[in-house]
Every structure is written in C-alpha cells, then in structure tokens.
Amino acid sequence: MKTKGCRRPRRRAAPDLDNPCPRGGSRRRSAGPRSLPLRSAPRPPPSGAGPGLRRAGMLLPRAGGAAGRCPPPLAALSQVLRLERNRRIGVVFPLQKLARYLAPGADTERFGLFQPGLAALQRAEALFRSGRDHAIGYVSSAVRMAHAPPPVLPEVCFIGRSNVGKSSLIRALFSLSPEVEVRVSKTPGHTKMMNFFKVGKYFTLVDMPGYGYRAPQDFVEMVEAYLQERHNLKRTFLLVDGVVGLQKTDHIAVEMLEEFGIPYVMVLTKIDRASRGLLLKNVLEIQEFVKEKTQGCFPQLFLVSSLEFSGVHLLRCFVAHVTGNLPTVEAR
C-alpha cells in the first residue's frame, strides 16, 4: 500500500539485532537501545509437560510444584537469542519482519512504533516469571463487578471473539511460570466469567469471556459494566484472528471501546496459520481501518503465534509498559 501525495516516506528497516545503534524517533518514540546481541548455539530440545490442575479459563497452581516441567522452547529470551538472526527477528518482531515484503515506497511507520531494547524485554520477562517473592496466579472469577477483586493494581484485560485463541495466548504469556497452567478448550466460548490473575505486586490480567458464538447471555452487561467502572484498567487487548481478519462482531467490539473512550490495542493471533500474503493483506487492511475509523486504538498492531511464540516476548513487554512497570520506555 502506497502513501498518498508526492512525498515518498522512508522505509523503516527491521531492527538490527547484531549492531546496537539507536535510531531517530518517530511521532511516538520509545527510549532505550533497540538491538539484541548475536549468539549462535543449537536450539534446545522441547520438554514434555505433565498434567496439572485445570479449571475452565483459569491459571491454577500445579500440585507438587514445578518439578519435572520446563517452559516450552522459545518461551524465554535466552532461547530466542540462540537462533540465527532472521529467525530471531521473526520471533521477537514479527510485524517488522513482515514489513520487508511491502512494495517500495509503502508507509512503514506503523510497523515499528513500539520497539523496545533487550533490557526492556528482559525486564518484562522477569515480571512473567514467578519466584519465591513474586507469585503469579489466579485470584477470583466474577460475573458482576460486585464480585470482582478490589481495583488496587494496574490492570489489563484480554477480550476477543470465541475461538480467537485467547486462552492459548494467555498460556503462552505465563509459560515461564511452570507452577501455573491454563486450560485450552477445543470448544469455542469456554470462558464464561471474568477471570482475574495477579502478577506479583505489579499488575492484574483479566481474561474476559469471548463474544460471538456461545457467549454468555449476560455478556454485554458484564463487559460494559467492567469497561465503564474499572478505573484501574490501563489497556484493553482486543484479539483478532490473523487468518480471517476483522469480522462483524469485532467491529461491534471496536464501537463499544470507542464509545466508552477505552484505550486499546489490536492483537492478531494465529499468524502461524496464515500465509505471508494473506497475513500482510489483513495487516494492511486493519491498519487502514485503525487509522481512518478509530481514535483510542494504539496505531501499531501486535502479531502473535502462541504455538511458535512469535510476538509473545514483545507483547509481554507492551503489557509491562502500559502498566507502568518499564520506566525506561516512554509512555504513550
């Protein structure tokens, strides 16, 4: 897609993961270095994951702790840094890797607005890794705001169409905490309540019920009340299927967020299932929609694959950023 007018915008290159070199800012700038060091080593073999306690849509501690269970491959940055350069860029910055296939002269500004350095990525990863003094786990569930936990910590919520891969993404985000586990159902509409998870003393993550097929009967009342009354909500993450793009129900969700003035960001899921051409087409169409039809949506999309962990590290960093836990990254 080419920009209008006579001026030819300069193509934003993918981040150089070999040579640390700060670049000039854009309309929305992020501070800190923008490079990852180069290391070459064999990819670690996957480890099997034993059974744990499961509950619909909730992360629960495993009985007996984390013995015998390791995070999946590429869940940690240390594993990603062992990959060769192009693969590493694709895992950490999948949207910028996709920008390489744009036509000459295409506008690439919205492909790299949030581009943190290695230190910020590592800080965010530490927040999602549980420890003796940093507990991560399920707090409670609610169908009405009267039953929700007190709004003490900064909060983010994840919402999307049924079967968009929300539970899989939450499981990927928390994959570095082996004592907790999320159940992923093959049946759409599995989550029926608002599920609250506390990440230490830093923030709360809320898993909202899916809309569309098999949505709870009181879905609208539940979600509208949450969005209007939860004053500690810092950002809503609207999940969109990267294979099919924006659907009618997604447009309704956008209208609701715009009406309430809720800051939100779109996350394209299942990118490993889409061909490069289809994914680029959907990305460009959604970027144009965000530019022309929205006011509260962050202009950069986030692409994720819960299976291959593409974009998961960057999304962890953005969650840490919007909840105020990355002071070195300029707020937007």
Protein backbone atom coordinates (compact mmCIF):
# COMPACT_ATOMS: atom_id res chain seq x y z
CA MET A 1 0.00 0.00 0.00
CA LYS A 2 1.48 3.36 -1.02
CA THR A 3 1.03 6.64 0.75
CA LYS A 4 -0.92 9.47 -0.77
CA GLY A 5 0.73 12.60 -2.09
CA CYS A 6 4.09 13.25 -3.64
CA ARG A 7 6.31 12.72 -0.66
CA ARG A 8 7.93 9.26 -0.54
CA PRO A 9 8.19 8.06 3.07
CA ARG A 10 11.40 6.38 4.07
CA ARG A 11 11.11 2.64 4.69
CA ARG A 12 11.74 1.66 8.30
CA ALA A 13 14.22 -1.17 8.38
CA ALA A 14 13.80 -4.17 10.63
CA PRO A 15 15.70 -3.87 13.91
CA ASP A 16 19.39 -4.66 13.62
CA LEU A 17 19.90 -7.45 16.11
CA ASP A 18 23.64 -7.57 15.52
CA ASN A 19 24.76 -3.95 15.90
CA PRO A 20 23.28 -1.80 18.70
CA CYS A 21 22.54 1.52 17.09
CA PRO A 22 19.83 3.91 18.42
CA ARG A 23 17.74 5.46 15.70
CA GLY A 24 15.92 8.71 15.46
CA GLY A 25 12.45 8.82 16.94
CA SER A 26 9.09 8.98 15.24
CA ARG A 27 5.83 10.57 16.20
CA ARG A 28 5.73 8.12 19.06
CA ARG A 29 9.17 7.34 20.35
CA SER A 30 10.48 4.62 22.61
CA ALA A 31 13.65 5.09 24.62
CA GLY A 32 16.50 2.66 25.11
CA PRO A 33 18.61 0.51 22.81
CA ARG A 34 16.89 -1.37 20.02
CA SER A 35 19.10 -4.33 19.43
CA LEU A 36 19.67 -7.85 20.64
CA PRO A 37 23.12 -9.44 20.77
CA LEU A 38 24.08 -12.19 18.39
CA ARG A 39 24.76 -15.63 19.72
CA SER A 40 24.73 -18.90 17.87
CA ALA A 41 24.02 -22.19 19.57
CA PRO A 42 21.86 -25.25 18.98
CA ARG A 43 18.17 -24.90 19.67
CA PRO A 44 17.24 -26.63 22.94
CA PRO A 45 15.02 -29.71 22.58
CA PRO A 46 11.36 -29.46 23.68
CA SER A 47 10.40 -30.86 27.06
CA GLY A 48 7.20 -32.70 27.84
CA ALA A 49 4.69 -31.08 30.10
CA GLY A 50 3.00 -33.22 32.68
CA PRO A 51 -0.62 -32.85 33.78
CA GLY A 52 -1.57 -30.18 36.24
CA LEU A 53 -4.64 -28.88 37.97
CA ARG A 54 -7.03 -27.43 35.42
CA ARG A 55 -10.08 -25.22 35.59
CA ALA A 56 -12.03 -23.54 32.83
CA GLY A 57 -10.26 -20.39 31.72
CA MET A 58 -8.10 -20.14 34.85
CA LEU A 59 -4.45 -20.48 35.72
CA LEU A 60 -4.06 -22.67 38.77
CA PRO A 61 -1.01 -23.95 40.67
CA ARG A 62 0.05 -27.50 39.95
CA ALA A 63 0.05 -29.89 42.85
CA GLY A 64 3.59 -30.71 43.82
CA GLY A 65 5.15 -27.61 42.27
CA ALA A 66 7.09 -27.35 39.05
CA ALA A 67 9.26 -30.45 39.36
CA GLY A 68 9.80 -32.21 36.05
CA ARG A 69 8.23 -29.49 33.91
CA CYS A 70 10.13 -26.91 31.87
CA PRO A 71 8.90 -24.00 29.76
CA PRO A 72 8.42 -24.86 26.07
CA PRO A 73 11.11 -23.96 23.52
CA LEU A 74 11.39 -20.23 22.69
CA ALA A 75 9.33 -19.25 25.75
CA ALA A 76 12.39 -17.50 27.19
CA LEU A 77 14.53 -14.81 25.55
CA SER A 78 17.68 -16.79 26.30
CA GLN A 79 16.39 -19.46 23.94
CA VAL A 80 15.44 -16.97 21.24
CA LEU A 81 18.89 -15.38 21.29
CA ARG A 82 20.40 -18.70 20.22
CA LEU A 83 18.58 -18.57 16.90
CA GLU A 84 20.11 -17.22 13.72
CA ARG A 85 19.46 -13.55 13.03
CA ASN A 86 16.49 -13.68 10.63
CA ARG A 87 14.66 -16.24 12.72
CA ARG A 88 15.31 -14.17 15.83
CA ILE A 89 13.81 -11.06 14.26
CA GLY A 90 10.75 -13.05 13.21
CA VAL A 91 10.17 -14.32 16.74
CA VAL A 92 10.69 -11.02 18.57
CA PHE A 93 9.43 -8.54 15.95
CA PRO A 94 7.12 -10.44 13.55
CA LEU A 95 5.39 -7.30 12.30
CA GLN A 96 8.65 -5.67 11.28
CA LYS A 97 9.78 -8.81 9.53
CA LEU A 98 6.53 -8.72 7.57
CA ALA A 99 7.25 -5.13 6.55
CA ARG A 100 10.14 -6.37 4.40
CA TYR A 101 7.62 -7.61 1.85
CA LEU A 102 5.86 -4.27 1.34
CA ALA A 103 6.03 -2.58 -2.04
CA PRO A 104 8.74 0.09 -2.42
CA GLY A 105 7.55 3.42 -1.08
CA ALA A 106 4.95 1.91 1.26
CA ASP A 107 4.37 3.57 4.62
CA THR A 108 6.17 1.56 7.33
CA GLU A 109 5.75 3.97 10.24
CA ARG A 110 3.11 1.84 11.96
CA PHE A 111 5.26 -1.27 11.75
CA GLY A 112 7.74 -0.20 14.43
CA LEU A 113 6.29 2.36 16.85
CA PHE A 114 6.93 0.14 19.87
CA GLN A 115 10.43 -1.27 19.50
CA PRO A 116 12.00 -1.89 22.93
CA GLY A 117 15.59 -2.87 23.51
CA LEU A 118 16.92 -6.02 25.09
CA ALA A 119 16.96 -4.61 28.63
CA ALA A 120 13.24 -3.78 28.47
CA LEU A 121 12.40 -7.20 27.03
CA GLN A 122 14.32 -8.88 29.83
CA ARG A 123 12.63 -6.75 32.50
CA ALA A 124 9.22 -7.67 31.12
CA GLU A 125 10.13 -11.35 31.01
CA ALA A 126 11.10 -11.22 34.69
CA LEU A 127 7.62 -9.95 35.54
CA PHE A 128 6.07 -13.01 33.91
CA ARG A 129 8.43 -15.43 35.67
CA SER A 130 7.21 -16.44 39.12
CA GLY A 131 9.55 -16.78 42.08
CA ARG A 132 9.69 -17.08 45.84
CA ASP A 133 8.89 -13.39 46.30
CA HIS A 134 6.93 -12.96 43.10
CA ALA A 135 3.75 -15.03 42.97
CA ILE A 136 1.66 -15.32 39.83
CA GLY A 137 -1.73 -16.95 39.98
CA TYR A 138 -5.47 -16.95 39.77
CA VAL A 139 -7.28 -14.59 42.16
CA SER A 140 -11.00 -14.98 41.53
CA SER A 141 -13.79 -15.01 38.95
CA ALA A 142 -16.77 -12.73 38.63
CA VAL A 143 -19.91 -12.28 36.59
CA ARG A 144 -20.72 -8.94 38.22
CA MET A 145 -18.49 -6.08 39.29
CA ALA A 146 -19.61 -6.53 42.89
CA HIS A 147 -17.73 -9.85 42.88
CA ALA A 148 -14.54 -8.51 41.27
CA PRO A 149 -11.40 -8.11 43.40
CA PRO A 150 -10.56 -4.60 44.63
CA PRO A 151 -9.02 -2.41 41.90
CA VAL A 152 -5.68 -1.98 43.64
CA LEU A 153 -3.13 -2.75 40.93
CA PRO A 154 -2.87 -1.54 37.33
CA GLU A 155 -4.95 -3.83 35.14
CA VAL A 156 -5.14 -5.07 31.56
CA CYS A 157 -7.87 -7.20 30.03
CA PHE A 158 -7.92 -9.56 27.06
CA ILE A 159 -11.08 -9.83 25.01
CA GLY A 160 -11.93 -11.31 21.63
CA ARG A 161 -14.23 -13.43 19.55
CA SER A 162 -14.87 -17.01 20.64
CA ASN A 163 -12.16 -19.35 19.33
CA VAL A 164 -9.76 -16.48 18.57
CA GLY A 165 -7.04 -18.17 20.63
CA LYS A 166 -7.32 -16.07 23.79
CA SER A 167 -6.68 -18.93 26.23
CA SER A 168 -3.73 -20.15 24.16
CA LEU A 169 -2.19 -16.68 24.18
CA ILE A 170 -2.61 -16.28 27.95
CA ARG A 171 -0.99 -19.68 28.44
CA ALA A 172 1.94 -18.56 26.27
CA LEU A 173 2.34 -15.31 28.22
CA PHE A 174 2.54 -17.24 31.50
CA SER A 175 4.60 -20.14 30.13
CA LEU A 176 7.65 -19.12 32.18
CA SER A 177 5.79 -19.92 35.38
CA PRO A 178 5.67 -23.74 35.34
CA GLU A 179 3.62 -23.99 38.51
CA VAL A 180 0.63 -22.43 36.78
CA GLU A 181 -1.23 -23.67 33.76
CA VAL A 182 -4.12 -22.58 31.59
CA ARG A 183 -6.69 -24.91 30.13
CA VAL A 184 -7.26 -24.54 26.41
CA SER A 185 -10.56 -25.95 25.21
CA LYS A 186 -11.36 -27.03 21.66
CA THR A 187 -14.91 -25.82 22.24
CA PRO A 188 -15.46 -22.10 21.46
CA GLY A 189 -16.97 -19.97 24.21
CA HIS A 190 -15.30 -21.89 27.03
CA THR A 191 -14.74 -18.86 29.29
CA LYS A 192 -18.00 -17.75 30.89
CA MET A 193 -16.78 -15.36 33.59
CA MET A 194 -14.21 -12.63 34.10
CA ASN A 195 -11.12 -14.38 35.45
CA PHE A 196 -8.58 -12.30 37.37
CA PHE A 197 -4.88 -13.18 37.65
CA LYS A 198 -2.43 -11.33 39.85
CA VAL A 199 1.14 -10.85 38.65
CA GLY A 200 3.01 -10.25 41.88
CA LYS A 201 2.63 -6.72 43.20
CA TYR A 202 2.79 -5.24 39.72
CA PHE A 203 -0.45 -5.71 37.79
CA THR A 204 -3.56 -7.81 37.22
CA LEU A 205 -4.51 -9.55 33.99
CA VAL A 206 -8.18 -10.24 33.25
CA ASP A 207 -9.40 -12.97 30.93
CA MET A 208 -12.77 -11.81 29.59
CA PRO A 209 -15.43 -14.12 28.09
CA GLY A 210 -15.41 -14.41 24.32
CA TYR A 211 -18.09 -12.73 22.25
CA GLY A 212 -19.97 -14.24 19.33
CA TYR A 213 -20.59 -17.99 19.31
CA ARG A 214 -21.66 -19.40 22.69
CA ALA A 215 -21.09 -16.11 24.50
CA PRO A 216 -22.66 -15.83 27.98
CA GLN A 217 -26.23 -14.49 27.93
CA ASP A 218 -25.22 -11.55 30.12
CA PHE A 219 -22.03 -10.87 28.15
CA VAL A 220 -22.93 -7.30 27.16
CA GLU A 221 -23.95 -6.28 30.68
CA MET A 222 -20.87 -7.92 32.18
CA VAL A 223 -18.36 -6.37 29.80
CA GLU A 224 -19.93 -2.91 29.60
CA ALA A 225 -20.02 -2.65 33.40
CA TYR A 226 -16.38 -3.71 33.63
CA LEU A 227 -15.16 -1.27 30.99
CA GLN A 228 -17.09 1.65 32.47
CA GLU A 229 -16.40 1.02 36.16
CA ARG A 230 -12.90 -0.46 36.29
CA HIS A 231 -10.92 2.75 36.75
CA ASN A 232 -7.58 0.94 37.16
CA LEU A 233 -7.86 -0.51 33.63
CA LYS A 234 -4.82 0.66 31.69
CA ARG A 235 -5.32 -1.07 28.34
CA THR A 236 -7.70 -3.48 26.65
CA PHE A 237 -6.17 -6.05 24.31
CA LEU A 238 -8.62 -6.82 21.51
CA LEU A 239 -7.72 -10.14 19.89
CA VAL A 240 -8.45 -10.61 16.18
CA ASP A 241 -7.97 -13.81 14.18
CA GLY A 242 -4.99 -13.18 11.89
CA VAL A 243 -6.32 -15.65 9.32
CA VAL A 244 -9.79 -14.14 8.77
CA GLY A 245 -9.18 -10.53 9.84
CA LEU A 246 -11.80 -8.21 11.31
CA GLN A 247 -15.29 -9.73 11.50
CA LYS A 248 -18.67 -8.12 12.15
CA THR A 249 -18.54 -8.94 15.85
CA ASP A 250 -15.06 -7.39 16.06
CA HIS A 251 -16.43 -4.16 14.63
CA ILE A 252 -19.10 -4.14 17.35
CA ALA A 253 -16.39 -4.57 19.99
CA VAL A 254 -14.43 -1.67 18.49
CA GLU A 255 -17.52 0.53 18.53
CA MET A 256 -18.05 -0.26 22.22
CA LEU A 257 -14.46 0.58 23.13
CA GLU A 258 -14.58 3.79 21.13
CA GLU A 259 -17.89 4.80 22.71
CA PHE A 260 -16.53 4.35 26.23
CA GLY A 261 -13.21 6.02 25.42
CA ILE A 262 -11.21 2.95 26.46
CA PRO A 263 -7.58 2.83 25.23
CA TYR A 264 -7.00 -0.46 23.44
CA VAL A 265 -4.67 -2.29 21.09
CA MET A 266 -5.36 -4.95 18.47
CA VAL A 267 -3.53 -8.27 18.62
CA LEU A 268 -3.61 -10.58 15.59
CA THR A 269 -3.49 -14.21 16.69
CA LYS A 270 -2.73 -17.50 14.89
CA ILE A 271 -0.27 -15.89 12.49
CA ASP A 272 1.44 -19.26 12.01
CA ARG A 273 -1.73 -20.47 10.23
CA ALA A 274 -1.81 -17.66 7.66
CA SER A 275 0.27 -17.43 4.52
CA ARG A 276 2.56 -14.44 4.28
CA GLY A 277 0.44 -12.84 1.56
CA LEU A 278 -2.82 -13.29 3.44
CA LEU A 279 -1.33 -12.02 6.69
CA LEU A 280 0.12 -8.93 5.00
CA LYS A 281 -3.23 -8.24 3.34
CA ASN A 282 -5.08 -8.46 6.67
CA VAL A 283 -2.47 -6.32 8.43
CA LEU A 284 -2.69 -3.53 5.84
CA GLU A 285 -6.50 -3.56 5.87
CA ILE A 286 -6.66 -3.40 9.67
CA GLN A 287 -4.00 -0.68 9.80
CA GLU A 288 -6.07 1.41 7.39
CA PHE A 289 -9.19 0.77 9.47
CA VAL A 290 -7.40 1.83 12.67
CA LYS A 291 -6.07 4.96 11.00
CA GLU A 292 -9.38 6.08 9.49
CA LYS A 293 -12.04 4.76 11.89
CA THR A 294 -10.59 4.75 15.42
CA GLN A 295 -9.31 7.21 17.99
CA GLY A 296 -8.49 5.09 21.04
CA CYS A 297 -6.60 2.27 19.33
CA PHE A 298 -2.81 2.15 19.51
CA PRO A 299 -1.68 2.52 15.87
CA GLN A 300 0.69 -0.46 15.88
CA LEU A 301 -0.71 -3.97 15.61
CA PHE A 302 0.81 -6.86 17.55
CA LEU A 303 1.20 -10.18 15.76
CA VAL A 304 1.41 -13.36 17.83
CA SER A 305 1.65 -17.10 17.44
CA SER A 306 1.01 -18.98 20.67
CA LEU A 307 2.44 -22.11 19.06
CA GLU A 308 5.74 -20.66 17.81
CA PHE A 309 5.95 -17.83 20.42
CA SER A 310 6.30 -15.22 17.69
CA GLY A 311 5.43 -11.82 19.14
CA VAL A 312 4.86 -13.16 22.67
CA HIS A 313 8.02 -11.54 24.06
CA LEU A 314 7.10 -8.17 22.55
CA LEU A 315 3.55 -8.43 23.88
CA ARG A 316 4.85 -9.18 27.39
CA CYS A 317 6.94 -6.03 27.10
CA PHE A 318 3.98 -3.92 25.99
CA VAL A 319 1.86 -5.22 28.90
CA ALA A 320 4.65 -4.31 31.32
CA HIS A 321 4.95 -0.92 29.63
CA VAL A 322 1.29 0.11 29.78
CA THR A 323 1.01 -1.00 33.43
CA GLY A 324 3.85 1.36 34.36
CA ASN A 325 6.48 -1.30 35.02
CA LEU A 326 9.00 -0.19 32.40
CA PRO A 327 10.10 3.30 33.45
CA THR A 328 12.78 3.44 30.74
CA VAL A 329 10.19 3.21 27.96
CA GLU A 330 8.33 6.41 27.16
CA ALA A 331 4.60 6.15 27.85
CA ARG A 332 2.12 6.54 25.03
